[in-house]
């Protein structure tokens, strides 16, 4: 049985669904962020030192969010502008220390989990079917090299089945979750089906 499920993006759908299914509300580093798998790998490889460095955050998507040029992570929920207005460089600079402190705390939580006895299932939602088996293998190898005593496996969730699934090394499973247009949370039914075979923590029945 896995003790903890930890999302690795791509965006808010994975965070919402993992919390819904498991009932866990404890924040993890990549929760509610918008980022591709390369940004996940680079952040872990840098021990998160590349995230939110001063002077590298800028308004993005017409000021709807903040893009960190150092990590290529998009922050949609951590920087705030007055209602009806866009984020500006000045607003970002004023809020940056507090946001950086928050993510420093979450980086410490990540390290503590990797050093613990917990068995962890990392879940990467490949929301745009961008990655291949070699990308997931590289992530698995990175986690194994950085945290050699860590008990973990990876789950790779795509919209469609990967053509190169046979190339996945042990410790990586895959499944699919169909998109639900018009609903950022995704399809509850699709996520339930994908996660049903796994021995993961479950939210109490309503």
N, C-alpha and C. Protein backbone atom coordinates (compact mmCIF):
# COMPACT_ATOMS: atom_id res chain seq x y z
N UNK A 1 0.84 -1.20 0.00
CA UNK A 1 0.00 0.00 0.00
C UNK A 1 0.87 1.25 0.00
N UNK A 2 0.43 2.24 -0.72
CA UNK A 2 1.11 3.53 -0.70
C UNK A 2 0.60 4.35 0.49
N UNK A 3 1.51 5.04 1.13
CA UNK A 3 1.12 5.89 2.26
C UNK A 3 0.67 7.27 1.80
N UNK A 4 1.26 7.76 0.71
CA UNK A 4 1.00 9.12 0.25
C UNK A 4 0.97 9.13 -1.27
N UNK A 5 0.08 9.93 -1.84
CA UNK A 5 0.10 10.23 -3.28
C UNK A 5 0.53 11.68 -3.45
N UNK A 6 1.51 11.91 -4.30
CA UNK A 6 2.04 13.25 -4.52
C UNK A 6 1.94 13.59 -6.01
N UNK A 7 1.25 14.68 -6.31
CA UNK A 7 1.06 15.09 -7.69
C UNK A 7 2.27 15.84 -8.22
N UNK A 8 2.54 15.62 -9.51
CA UNK A 8 3.64 16.29 -10.20
C UNK A 8 3.10 17.05 -11.41
N UNK A 9 2.00 17.80 -11.22
CA UNK A 9 1.44 18.53 -12.34
C UNK A 9 0.70 17.60 -13.29
N UNK A 10 0.24 18.07 -14.39
CA UNK A 10 0.64 19.23 -15.17
C UNK A 10 0.03 20.54 -14.62
N UNK A 11 -1.22 20.46 -14.17
CA UNK A 11 -1.87 21.69 -13.69
C UNK A 11 -2.86 21.33 -12.59
N UNK A 12 -3.88 22.17 -12.39
CA UNK A 12 -4.74 22.04 -11.21
C UNK A 12 -5.61 20.78 -11.21
N UNK A 13 -5.87 20.23 -12.39
CA UNK A 13 -6.71 19.02 -12.45
C UNK A 13 -6.15 17.91 -11.58
N UNK A 14 -4.85 17.68 -11.66
CA UNK A 14 -4.26 16.58 -10.90
C UNK A 14 -4.36 16.83 -9.39
N UNK A 15 -4.12 18.05 -8.97
CA UNK A 15 -4.22 18.35 -7.54
C UNK A 15 -5.64 18.13 -7.04
N UNK A 16 -6.61 18.67 -7.79
CA UNK A 16 -8.02 18.51 -7.38
C UNK A 16 -8.40 17.04 -7.29
N UNK A 17 -8.05 16.27 -8.31
CA UNK A 17 -8.48 14.88 -8.34
C UNK A 17 -7.79 14.02 -7.28
N UNK A 18 -6.51 14.22 -7.06
CA UNK A 18 -5.83 13.45 -6.04
C UNK A 18 -6.37 13.76 -4.65
N UNK A 19 -6.69 15.02 -4.41
CA UNK A 19 -7.27 15.37 -3.11
C UNK A 19 -8.68 14.79 -2.97
N UNK A 20 -9.45 14.83 -4.05
CA UNK A 20 -10.81 14.28 -4.01
C UNK A 20 -10.78 12.78 -3.72
N UNK A 21 -9.91 12.07 -4.41
CA UNK A 21 -9.88 10.61 -4.28
C UNK A 21 -9.29 10.17 -2.94
N UNK A 22 -8.18 10.80 -2.53
CA UNK A 22 -7.49 10.35 -1.32
C UNK A 22 -7.99 11.02 -0.05
N UNK A 23 -8.61 12.17 -0.18
CA UNK A 23 -9.03 12.93 1.00
C UNK A 23 -7.91 13.70 1.67
N UNK A 24 -6.70 13.63 1.12
CA UNK A 24 -5.55 14.33 1.71
C UNK A 24 -5.55 15.79 1.28
N UNK A 25 -5.41 16.68 2.23
CA UNK A 25 -5.39 18.12 1.96
C UNK A 25 -4.02 18.73 2.18
N UNK A 26 -3.06 17.95 2.66
CA UNK A 26 -1.75 18.50 2.99
C UNK A 26 -1.02 18.88 1.70
N UNK A 27 -0.62 20.14 1.61
CA UNK A 27 -0.04 20.66 0.38
C UNK A 27 1.32 20.02 0.10
N UNK A 28 1.58 19.79 -1.19
CA UNK A 28 2.88 19.35 -1.66
C UNK A 28 3.43 20.39 -2.64
N UNK A 29 4.71 20.30 -2.95
CA UNK A 29 5.38 21.38 -3.67
C UNK A 29 4.71 21.71 -4.99
N UNK A 30 4.33 20.71 -5.78
CA UNK A 30 3.83 20.96 -7.13
C UNK A 30 2.32 21.13 -7.20
N UNK A 31 1.64 21.18 -6.06
CA UNK A 31 0.20 21.37 -6.07
C UNK A 31 -0.19 22.72 -6.67
N UNK A 32 -1.22 22.70 -7.49
CA UNK A 32 -1.87 23.90 -8.05
C UNK A 32 -0.95 24.70 -8.98
N UNK A 33 0.19 24.14 -9.37
CA UNK A 33 1.08 24.83 -10.30
C UNK A 33 0.80 24.37 -11.73
N UNK A 34 1.26 25.15 -12.69
CA UNK A 34 1.15 24.81 -14.10
C UNK A 34 2.57 24.62 -14.62
N UNK A 35 2.90 23.39 -15.00
CA UNK A 35 4.28 23.12 -15.42
C UNK A 35 4.33 21.79 -16.17
N UNK A 36 5.30 21.68 -17.07
CA UNK A 36 5.48 20.43 -17.79
C UNK A 36 6.49 19.56 -17.07
N UNK A 37 6.71 18.35 -17.60
CA UNK A 37 7.55 17.39 -16.90
C UNK A 37 9.00 17.83 -16.83
N UNK A 38 9.47 18.54 -17.84
CA UNK A 38 10.87 19.00 -17.80
C UNK A 38 11.08 19.97 -16.65
N UNK A 39 10.09 20.81 -16.35
CA UNK A 39 10.21 21.73 -15.22
C UNK A 39 10.22 20.97 -13.90
N UNK A 40 9.45 19.91 -13.81
CA UNK A 40 9.48 19.07 -12.61
C UNK A 40 10.88 18.48 -12.41
N UNK A 41 11.41 17.90 -13.47
CA UNK A 41 12.74 17.28 -13.36
C UNK A 41 13.80 18.31 -13.02
N UNK A 42 13.78 19.45 -13.67
CA UNK A 42 14.80 20.46 -13.42
C UNK A 42 14.72 20.99 -11.99
N UNK A 43 13.51 21.15 -11.48
CA UNK A 43 13.36 21.64 -10.10
C UNK A 43 13.90 20.64 -9.09
N UNK A 44 13.59 19.36 -9.30
CA UNK A 44 14.09 18.33 -8.40
C UNK A 44 15.61 18.22 -8.50
N UNK A 45 16.13 18.26 -9.72
CA UNK A 45 17.58 18.16 -9.92
C UNK A 45 18.32 19.30 -9.24
N UNK A 46 17.70 20.49 -9.22
CA UNK A 46 18.31 21.67 -8.59
C UNK A 46 18.00 21.77 -7.11
N UNK A 47 17.31 20.74 -6.56
CA UNK A 47 16.87 20.78 -5.17
C UNK A 47 16.07 22.05 -4.90
N UNK A 48 15.31 22.47 -5.93
CA UNK A 48 14.38 23.59 -5.89
C UNK A 48 15.06 24.96 -5.80
N UNK A 49 16.37 25.00 -5.95
CA UNK A 49 17.08 26.28 -5.88
C UNK A 49 16.80 27.16 -7.10
N UNK A 50 16.28 26.56 -8.17
CA UNK A 50 15.98 27.34 -9.39
C UNK A 50 14.61 27.98 -9.35
N UNK A 51 13.82 27.71 -8.33
CA UNK A 51 12.43 28.18 -8.27
C UNK A 51 12.35 29.50 -7.51
N UNK A 52 11.72 30.49 -8.14
CA UNK A 52 11.42 31.78 -7.50
C UNK A 52 12.67 32.54 -7.09
N UNK A 53 13.70 32.48 -7.91
CA UNK A 53 14.86 33.32 -7.65
C UNK A 53 14.47 34.78 -7.88
N UNK A 54 15.02 35.70 -7.10
CA UNK A 54 14.64 37.12 -7.23
C UNK A 54 14.92 37.65 -8.63
N UNK A 55 13.99 38.47 -9.12
CA UNK A 55 14.15 39.15 -10.39
C UNK A 55 13.77 38.36 -11.61
N UNK A 56 13.30 37.11 -11.44
CA UNK A 56 12.99 36.28 -12.59
C UNK A 56 11.51 36.01 -12.77
N UNK A 57 10.68 36.62 -11.96
CA UNK A 57 9.23 36.42 -12.06
C UNK A 57 8.60 37.58 -12.83
N UNK A 58 7.67 37.25 -13.72
CA UNK A 58 7.07 38.26 -14.59
C UNK A 58 5.59 37.96 -14.83
N UNK A 59 4.81 39.01 -15.13
CA UNK A 59 3.40 38.75 -15.49
C UNK A 59 3.33 37.87 -16.73
N UNK A 60 2.34 37.00 -16.76
CA UNK A 60 2.19 36.07 -17.88
C UNK A 60 0.71 35.92 -18.17
N UNK A 61 0.39 35.54 -19.40
CA UNK A 61 -1.00 35.34 -19.82
C UNK A 61 -1.82 36.59 -19.54
N UNK A 62 -1.30 37.73 -20.03
CA UNK A 62 -1.98 39.03 -19.86
C UNK A 62 -2.18 39.38 -18.39
N UNK A 63 -1.23 38.99 -17.56
CA UNK A 63 -1.30 39.34 -16.15
C UNK A 63 -2.20 38.45 -15.32
N UNK A 64 -2.64 37.31 -15.90
CA UNK A 64 -3.50 36.40 -15.14
C UNK A 64 -2.70 35.54 -14.16
N UNK A 65 -1.39 35.41 -14.42
CA UNK A 65 -0.56 34.59 -13.55
C UNK A 65 0.87 35.10 -13.61
N UNK A 66 1.75 34.42 -12.92
CA UNK A 66 3.17 34.78 -12.88
C UNK A 66 3.98 33.63 -13.46
N UNK A 67 4.88 33.95 -14.37
CA UNK A 67 5.82 32.96 -14.90
C UNK A 67 7.18 33.19 -14.28
N UNK A 68 7.73 32.11 -13.73
CA UNK A 68 9.08 32.14 -13.16
C UNK A 68 10.04 31.70 -14.26
N UNK A 69 10.84 32.63 -14.77
CA UNK A 69 11.75 32.30 -15.87
C UNK A 69 12.83 31.31 -15.46
N UNK A 70 13.15 31.25 -14.18
CA UNK A 70 14.19 30.34 -13.72
C UNK A 70 13.77 28.88 -13.75
N UNK A 71 12.47 28.63 -13.59
CA UNK A 71 11.99 27.25 -13.53
C UNK A 71 10.95 26.94 -14.59
N UNK A 72 10.45 27.96 -15.28
CA UNK A 72 9.36 27.84 -16.24
C UNK A 72 8.09 27.29 -15.60
N UNK A 73 7.88 27.62 -14.33
CA UNK A 73 6.64 27.29 -13.64
C UNK A 73 5.72 28.50 -13.71
N UNK A 74 4.43 28.23 -13.96
CA UNK A 74 3.43 29.28 -13.97
C UNK A 74 2.63 29.20 -12.67
N UNK A 75 2.58 30.32 -11.96
CA UNK A 75 1.89 30.42 -10.67
C UNK A 75 0.56 31.15 -10.88
N UNK A 76 -0.54 30.41 -10.82
CA UNK A 76 -1.87 31.00 -11.03
C UNK A 76 -2.55 31.39 -9.72
N UNK A 77 -2.06 30.90 -8.59
CA UNK A 77 -2.82 31.05 -7.35
C UNK A 77 -2.04 31.69 -6.20
N UNK A 78 -0.78 32.03 -6.39
CA UNK A 78 0.03 32.49 -5.27
C UNK A 78 0.31 33.99 -5.29
N UNK A 79 0.16 34.62 -6.43
CA UNK A 79 0.29 36.06 -6.54
C UNK A 79 -1.09 36.64 -6.86
N UNK A 80 -1.40 37.79 -6.26
CA UNK A 80 -2.76 38.31 -6.37
C UNK A 80 -2.77 39.79 -6.76
N UNK A 81 -3.74 40.11 -7.61
CA UNK A 81 -3.99 41.50 -8.01
C UNK A 81 -5.38 41.88 -7.53
N UNK A 82 -5.65 43.18 -7.33
CA UNK A 82 -7.00 43.60 -6.99
C UNK A 82 -8.01 43.09 -8.02
N UNK A 83 -9.22 42.82 -7.58
CA UNK A 83 -10.25 42.26 -8.45
C UNK A 83 -10.40 43.09 -9.73
N UNK A 84 -10.40 42.41 -10.85
CA UNK A 84 -10.60 43.07 -12.13
C UNK A 84 -9.36 43.67 -12.73
N UNK A 85 -8.20 43.48 -12.08
CA UNK A 85 -6.96 44.05 -12.60
C UNK A 85 -5.96 42.93 -12.86
N UNK A 86 -4.89 43.27 -13.56
CA UNK A 86 -3.85 42.30 -13.91
C UNK A 86 -2.66 42.43 -12.97
N UNK A 87 -1.93 41.36 -12.84
CA UNK A 87 -0.69 41.40 -12.08
C UNK A 87 0.33 42.28 -12.80
N UNK A 88 1.09 43.03 -12.01
CA UNK A 88 2.12 43.92 -12.54
C UNK A 88 3.47 43.54 -11.92
N UNK A 89 4.57 43.98 -12.51
CA UNK A 89 5.87 43.71 -11.89
C UNK A 89 5.96 44.22 -10.46
N UNK A 90 5.35 45.34 -10.18
CA UNK A 90 5.41 45.88 -8.82
C UNK A 90 4.65 44.99 -7.83
N UNK A 91 3.48 44.52 -8.22
CA UNK A 91 2.72 43.63 -7.35
C UNK A 91 3.49 42.33 -7.11
N UNK A 92 4.09 41.81 -8.16
CA UNK A 92 4.85 40.57 -8.04
C UNK A 92 6.03 40.76 -7.10
N UNK A 93 6.76 41.86 -7.26
CA UNK A 93 7.92 42.10 -6.42
C UNK A 93 7.53 42.23 -4.95
N UNK A 94 6.39 42.87 -4.68
CA UNK A 94 5.96 43.05 -3.30
C UNK A 94 5.57 41.73 -2.64
N UNK A 95 5.01 40.82 -3.41
CA UNK A 95 4.52 39.56 -2.86
C UNK A 95 5.56 38.44 -2.92
N UNK A 96 6.62 38.66 -3.69
CA UNK A 96 7.58 37.60 -3.94
C UNK A 96 8.19 37.00 -2.67
N UNK A 97 8.62 37.81 -1.67
CA UNK A 97 9.24 37.19 -0.48
C UNK A 97 8.34 36.19 0.23
N UNK A 98 7.06 36.53 0.37
CA UNK A 98 6.14 35.62 1.06
C UNK A 98 5.90 34.36 0.25
N UNK A 99 5.77 34.48 -1.07
CA UNK A 99 5.56 33.30 -1.91
C UNK A 99 6.80 32.42 -1.87
N UNK A 100 7.97 33.04 -1.95
CA UNK A 100 9.21 32.25 -1.90
C UNK A 100 9.34 31.53 -0.56
N UNK A 101 8.95 32.18 0.52
CA UNK A 101 9.01 31.54 1.83
C UNK A 101 8.09 30.32 1.87
N UNK A 102 6.89 30.46 1.32
CA UNK A 102 5.95 29.34 1.28
C UNK A 102 6.55 28.15 0.54
N UNK A 103 7.13 28.39 -0.63
CA UNK A 103 7.65 27.28 -1.40
C UNK A 103 8.96 26.73 -0.82
N UNK A 104 9.67 27.54 -0.07
CA UNK A 104 10.80 27.01 0.67
C UNK A 104 10.34 26.02 1.73
N UNK A 105 9.23 26.33 2.37
CA UNK A 105 8.65 25.42 3.36
C UNK A 105 8.20 24.12 2.69
N UNK A 106 7.56 24.23 1.51
CA UNK A 106 7.10 23.04 0.81
C UNK A 106 8.27 22.21 0.28
N UNK A 107 9.37 22.86 -0.08
CA UNK A 107 10.56 22.11 -0.49
C UNK A 107 11.11 21.31 0.69
N UNK A 108 11.09 21.90 1.88
CA UNK A 108 11.52 21.15 3.07
C UNK A 108 10.60 19.96 3.32
N UNK A 109 9.31 20.14 3.11
CA UNK A 109 8.36 19.03 3.28
C UNK A 109 8.64 17.92 2.28
N UNK A 110 8.96 18.29 1.04
CA UNK A 110 9.30 17.31 0.02
C UNK A 110 10.51 16.49 0.46
N UNK A 111 11.56 17.17 0.92
CA UNK A 111 12.78 16.47 1.33
C UNK A 111 12.51 15.54 2.51
N UNK A 112 11.69 16.02 3.45
CA UNK A 112 11.39 15.20 4.62
C UNK A 112 10.62 13.94 4.22
N UNK A 113 9.71 14.06 3.28
CA UNK A 113 8.96 12.90 2.82
C UNK A 113 9.88 11.90 2.12
N UNK A 114 10.78 12.42 1.28
CA UNK A 114 11.72 11.55 0.57
C UNK A 114 12.67 10.83 1.53
N UNK A 115 12.92 11.42 2.68
CA UNK A 115 13.82 10.81 3.67
C UNK A 115 13.08 9.94 4.67
N UNK A 116 11.76 9.91 4.58
CA UNK A 116 10.96 9.17 5.56
C UNK A 116 10.80 7.71 5.14
N UNK A 117 10.08 6.96 5.96
CA UNK A 117 9.78 5.56 5.64
C UNK A 117 8.51 5.41 4.82
N UNK A 118 7.87 6.51 4.48
CA UNK A 118 6.61 6.45 3.73
C UNK A 118 6.82 5.89 2.33
N UNK A 119 5.88 5.12 1.88
CA UNK A 119 5.87 4.63 0.50
C UNK A 119 5.02 5.60 -0.32
N UNK A 120 5.62 6.18 -1.34
CA UNK A 120 5.00 7.29 -2.06
C UNK A 120 4.69 6.90 -3.50
N UNK A 121 3.50 7.29 -3.96
CA UNK A 121 3.16 7.18 -5.38
C UNK A 121 3.17 8.59 -5.95
N UNK A 122 4.11 8.86 -6.84
CA UNK A 122 4.15 10.13 -7.54
C UNK A 122 3.31 10.01 -8.81
N UNK A 123 2.46 11.00 -9.03
CA UNK A 123 1.52 10.97 -10.15
C UNK A 123 1.79 12.15 -11.06
N UNK A 124 2.21 11.85 -12.28
CA UNK A 124 2.36 12.91 -13.30
C UNK A 124 1.22 12.81 -14.29
N UNK A 125 0.42 13.87 -14.34
CA UNK A 125 -0.68 13.94 -15.30
C UNK A 125 -0.17 14.63 -16.57
N UNK A 126 0.07 13.84 -17.58
CA UNK A 126 0.58 14.33 -18.87
C UNK A 126 -0.61 14.85 -19.68
N UNK A 127 -1.10 16.02 -19.30
CA UNK A 127 -2.40 16.50 -19.77
C UNK A 127 -2.47 16.74 -21.27
N UNK A 128 -1.33 16.91 -21.91
CA UNK A 128 -1.31 17.17 -23.35
C UNK A 128 -0.55 16.10 -24.13
N UNK A 129 -0.34 14.95 -23.48
CA UNK A 129 0.36 13.83 -24.13
C UNK A 129 1.68 14.26 -24.74
N UNK A 130 2.45 15.01 -23.96
CA UNK A 130 3.71 15.57 -24.46
C UNK A 130 4.92 14.67 -24.20
N UNK A 131 4.84 13.83 -23.19
CA UNK A 131 6.02 13.09 -22.76
C UNK A 131 6.05 11.69 -23.36
N UNK A 132 7.22 11.07 -23.29
CA UNK A 132 7.40 9.70 -23.72
C UNK A 132 7.96 8.86 -22.59
N UNK A 133 8.07 7.56 -22.85
CA UNK A 133 8.57 6.65 -21.83
C UNK A 133 9.96 7.05 -21.36
N UNK A 134 10.79 7.58 -22.26
CA UNK A 134 12.14 7.97 -21.87
C UNK A 134 12.12 9.14 -20.89
N UNK A 135 11.13 10.04 -21.02
CA UNK A 135 11.01 11.17 -20.08
C UNK A 135 10.65 10.68 -18.68
N UNK A 136 9.73 9.73 -18.62
CA UNK A 136 9.35 9.19 -17.31
C UNK A 136 10.49 8.38 -16.70
N UNK A 137 11.21 7.66 -17.56
CA UNK A 137 12.37 6.91 -17.06
C UNK A 137 13.43 7.85 -16.50
N UNK A 138 13.61 9.00 -17.16
CA UNK A 138 14.59 9.97 -16.67
C UNK A 138 14.18 10.52 -15.32
N UNK A 139 12.88 10.78 -15.14
CA UNK A 139 12.40 11.26 -13.85
C UNK A 139 12.60 10.19 -12.78
N UNK A 140 12.27 8.95 -13.10
CA UNK A 140 12.44 7.86 -12.15
C UNK A 140 13.91 7.72 -11.75
N UNK A 141 14.79 7.80 -12.73
CA UNK A 141 16.22 7.69 -12.44
C UNK A 141 16.71 8.85 -11.59
N UNK A 142 16.21 10.03 -11.85
CA UNK A 142 16.59 11.20 -11.07
C UNK A 142 16.16 11.05 -9.61
N UNK A 143 14.92 10.63 -9.39
CA UNK A 143 14.43 10.44 -8.02
C UNK A 143 15.25 9.36 -7.31
N UNK A 144 15.56 8.30 -8.03
CA UNK A 144 16.33 7.22 -7.42
C UNK A 144 17.74 7.68 -7.05
N UNK A 145 18.35 8.50 -7.90
CA UNK A 145 19.72 8.95 -7.62
C UNK A 145 19.76 9.99 -6.51
N UNK A 146 18.76 10.86 -6.47
CA UNK A 146 18.75 11.91 -5.44
C UNK A 146 18.36 11.35 -4.08
N UNK A 147 17.46 10.37 -4.08
CA UNK A 147 16.94 9.83 -2.83
C UNK A 147 17.07 8.30 -2.86
N UNK A 148 18.27 7.78 -2.71
CA UNK A 148 18.50 6.34 -2.94
C UNK A 148 17.76 5.42 -1.98
N UNK A 149 17.34 5.91 -0.83
CA UNK A 149 16.64 5.05 0.13
C UNK A 149 15.13 5.29 0.11
N UNK A 150 14.66 6.08 -0.82
CA UNK A 150 13.25 6.45 -0.92
C UNK A 150 12.45 5.31 -1.54
N UNK A 151 11.31 4.97 -0.92
CA UNK A 151 10.42 3.92 -1.43
C UNK A 151 9.31 4.59 -2.23
N UNK A 152 9.38 4.52 -3.54
CA UNK A 152 8.41 5.23 -4.38
C UNK A 152 8.19 4.50 -5.69
N UNK A 153 7.10 4.84 -6.34
CA UNK A 153 6.83 4.45 -7.72
C UNK A 153 6.17 5.63 -8.42
N UNK A 154 6.12 5.55 -9.75
CA UNK A 154 5.52 6.61 -10.55
C UNK A 154 4.29 6.10 -11.27
N UNK A 155 3.29 6.97 -11.37
CA UNK A 155 2.12 6.71 -12.21
C UNK A 155 2.05 7.81 -13.26
N UNK A 156 2.04 7.40 -14.51
CA UNK A 156 2.00 8.31 -15.66
C UNK A 156 0.60 8.26 -16.24
N UNK A 157 -0.13 9.36 -16.14
CA UNK A 157 -1.50 9.45 -16.65
C UNK A 157 -1.53 10.33 -17.89
N UNK A 158 -2.03 9.78 -18.99
CA UNK A 158 -2.13 10.48 -20.26
C UNK A 158 -3.58 10.58 -20.69
N UNK A 159 -3.83 11.35 -21.74
CA UNK A 159 -5.16 11.37 -22.34
C UNK A 159 -5.37 10.15 -23.22
N UNK A 160 -4.29 9.71 -23.87
CA UNK A 160 -4.35 8.52 -24.73
C UNK A 160 -3.21 7.59 -24.33
N UNK A 161 -3.35 6.33 -24.69
CA UNK A 161 -2.33 5.34 -24.32
C UNK A 161 -1.00 5.65 -25.00
N UNK A 162 0.10 5.53 -24.28
CA UNK A 162 1.42 5.79 -24.89
C UNK A 162 1.81 4.68 -25.86
N UNK A 163 2.40 5.06 -26.97
CA UNK A 163 2.83 4.07 -27.95
C UNK A 163 4.08 3.32 -27.49
N UNK A 164 4.82 3.91 -26.57
CA UNK A 164 6.08 3.32 -26.13
C UNK A 164 6.01 2.77 -24.70
N UNK A 165 4.83 2.37 -24.28
CA UNK A 165 4.66 1.90 -22.90
C UNK A 165 5.56 0.71 -22.59
N UNK A 166 5.84 -0.12 -23.57
CA UNK A 166 6.68 -1.30 -23.34
C UNK A 166 8.10 -0.93 -22.94
N UNK A 167 8.49 0.32 -23.22
CA UNK A 167 9.86 0.75 -22.88
C UNK A 167 9.98 1.25 -21.45
N UNK A 168 8.88 1.32 -20.71
CA UNK A 168 8.94 1.82 -19.34
C UNK A 168 9.69 0.83 -18.45
N UNK A 169 10.57 1.33 -17.60
CA UNK A 169 11.27 0.44 -16.67
C UNK A 169 10.37 0.06 -15.50
N UNK A 170 10.76 -0.93 -14.71
CA UNK A 170 9.99 -1.26 -13.50
C UNK A 170 9.86 -0.04 -12.59
N UNK A 171 8.73 0.03 -11.90
CA UNK A 171 8.49 1.14 -10.99
C UNK A 171 7.68 2.26 -11.60
N UNK A 172 7.30 2.13 -12.87
CA UNK A 172 6.48 3.14 -13.53
C UNK A 172 5.27 2.45 -14.16
N UNK A 173 4.08 2.86 -13.76
CA UNK A 173 2.84 2.37 -14.36
C UNK A 173 2.20 3.50 -15.15
N UNK A 174 1.26 3.14 -16.02
CA UNK A 174 0.56 4.18 -16.78
C UNK A 174 -0.92 3.85 -16.87
N UNK A 175 -1.70 4.90 -17.12
CA UNK A 175 -3.12 4.74 -17.38
C UNK A 175 -3.57 5.99 -18.13
N UNK A 176 -4.85 6.08 -18.41
CA UNK A 176 -5.38 7.23 -19.13
C UNK A 176 -6.52 7.87 -18.36
N UNK A 177 -6.65 9.17 -18.51
CA UNK A 177 -7.79 9.92 -17.98
C UNK A 177 -8.27 10.85 -19.09
N UNK A 178 -9.46 10.63 -19.56
CA UNK A 178 -10.00 11.47 -20.64
C UNK A 178 -10.28 12.87 -20.13
N UNK A 179 -10.11 13.84 -21.01
CA UNK A 179 -10.44 15.22 -20.67
C UNK A 179 -11.96 15.39 -20.59
N UNK A 180 -12.38 16.37 -19.83
CA UNK A 180 -13.79 16.74 -19.79
C UNK A 180 -13.88 18.21 -20.16
N UNK A 181 -14.13 18.52 -21.43
CA UNK A 181 -14.15 19.92 -21.89
C UNK A 181 -15.07 20.79 -21.05
N UNK A 182 -14.55 21.98 -20.72
CA UNK A 182 -15.34 22.93 -19.96
C UNK A 182 -15.28 22.73 -18.46
N UNK A 183 -14.54 21.74 -18.00
CA UNK A 183 -14.43 21.49 -16.56
C UNK A 183 -12.96 21.35 -16.21
N UNK A 184 -12.40 22.38 -15.58
CA UNK A 184 -10.97 22.36 -15.28
C UNK A 184 -10.61 21.23 -14.33
N UNK A 185 -11.57 20.78 -13.53
CA UNK A 185 -11.30 19.71 -12.57
C UNK A 185 -11.11 18.36 -13.25
N UNK A 186 -11.48 18.24 -14.53
CA UNK A 186 -11.38 16.96 -15.22
C UNK A 186 -12.57 16.07 -14.93
N UNK A 187 -12.47 14.85 -15.40
CA UNK A 187 -13.55 13.86 -15.26
C UNK A 187 -13.36 13.03 -14.00
N UNK A 188 -14.28 13.16 -13.05
CA UNK A 188 -14.20 12.35 -11.84
C UNK A 188 -14.24 10.86 -12.19
N UNK A 189 -15.10 10.49 -13.12
CA UNK A 189 -15.25 9.08 -13.48
C UNK A 189 -13.95 8.53 -14.08
N UNK A 190 -13.31 9.33 -14.93
CA UNK A 190 -12.07 8.87 -15.56
C UNK A 190 -10.97 8.69 -14.52
N UNK A 191 -10.86 9.62 -13.60
CA UNK A 191 -9.83 9.50 -12.56
C UNK A 191 -10.15 8.34 -11.62
N UNK A 192 -11.43 8.14 -11.29
CA UNK A 192 -11.79 7.01 -10.44
C UNK A 192 -11.37 5.69 -11.09
N UNK A 193 -11.61 5.57 -12.39
CA UNK A 193 -11.27 4.34 -13.11
C UNK A 193 -9.76 4.13 -13.14
N UNK A 194 -9.01 5.20 -13.39
CA UNK A 194 -7.55 5.09 -13.48
C UNK A 194 -6.92 4.71 -12.14
N UNK A 195 -7.47 5.24 -11.06
CA UNK A 195 -6.87 5.02 -9.74
C UNK A 195 -7.45 3.82 -9.00
N UNK A 196 -8.55 3.26 -9.51
CA UNK A 196 -9.22 2.16 -8.81
C UNK A 196 -8.31 0.96 -8.54
N UNK A 197 -7.42 0.55 -9.46
CA UNK A 197 -6.62 -0.64 -9.18
C UNK A 197 -5.50 -0.43 -8.17
N UNK A 198 -5.28 0.79 -7.75
CA UNK A 198 -4.11 1.10 -6.92
C UNK A 198 -4.50 1.09 -5.43
N UNK A 199 -3.57 0.58 -4.63
CA UNK A 199 -3.77 0.53 -3.19
C UNK A 199 -3.26 1.84 -2.59
N UNK A 200 -4.11 2.87 -2.68
CA UNK A 200 -3.76 4.21 -2.21
C UNK A 200 -4.72 4.63 -1.10
N UNK A 201 -4.36 5.64 -0.30
CA UNK A 201 -5.31 6.14 0.68
C UNK A 201 -6.59 6.60 -0.02
N UNK A 202 -7.72 6.42 0.64
CA UNK A 202 -9.01 6.79 0.06
C UNK A 202 -9.78 7.71 1.01
N UNK A 203 -10.45 8.69 0.44
CA UNK A 203 -11.30 9.56 1.23
C UNK A 203 -12.46 8.75 1.79
N UNK A 204 -12.91 9.07 3.01
CA UNK A 204 -14.08 8.36 3.56
C UNK A 204 -15.29 8.54 2.66
N UNK A 205 -16.12 7.54 2.58
CA UNK A 205 -17.33 7.63 1.79
C UNK A 205 -18.23 8.72 2.34
N UNK A 206 -18.86 9.52 1.46
CA UNK A 206 -19.73 10.59 1.96
C UNK A 206 -20.95 10.04 2.68
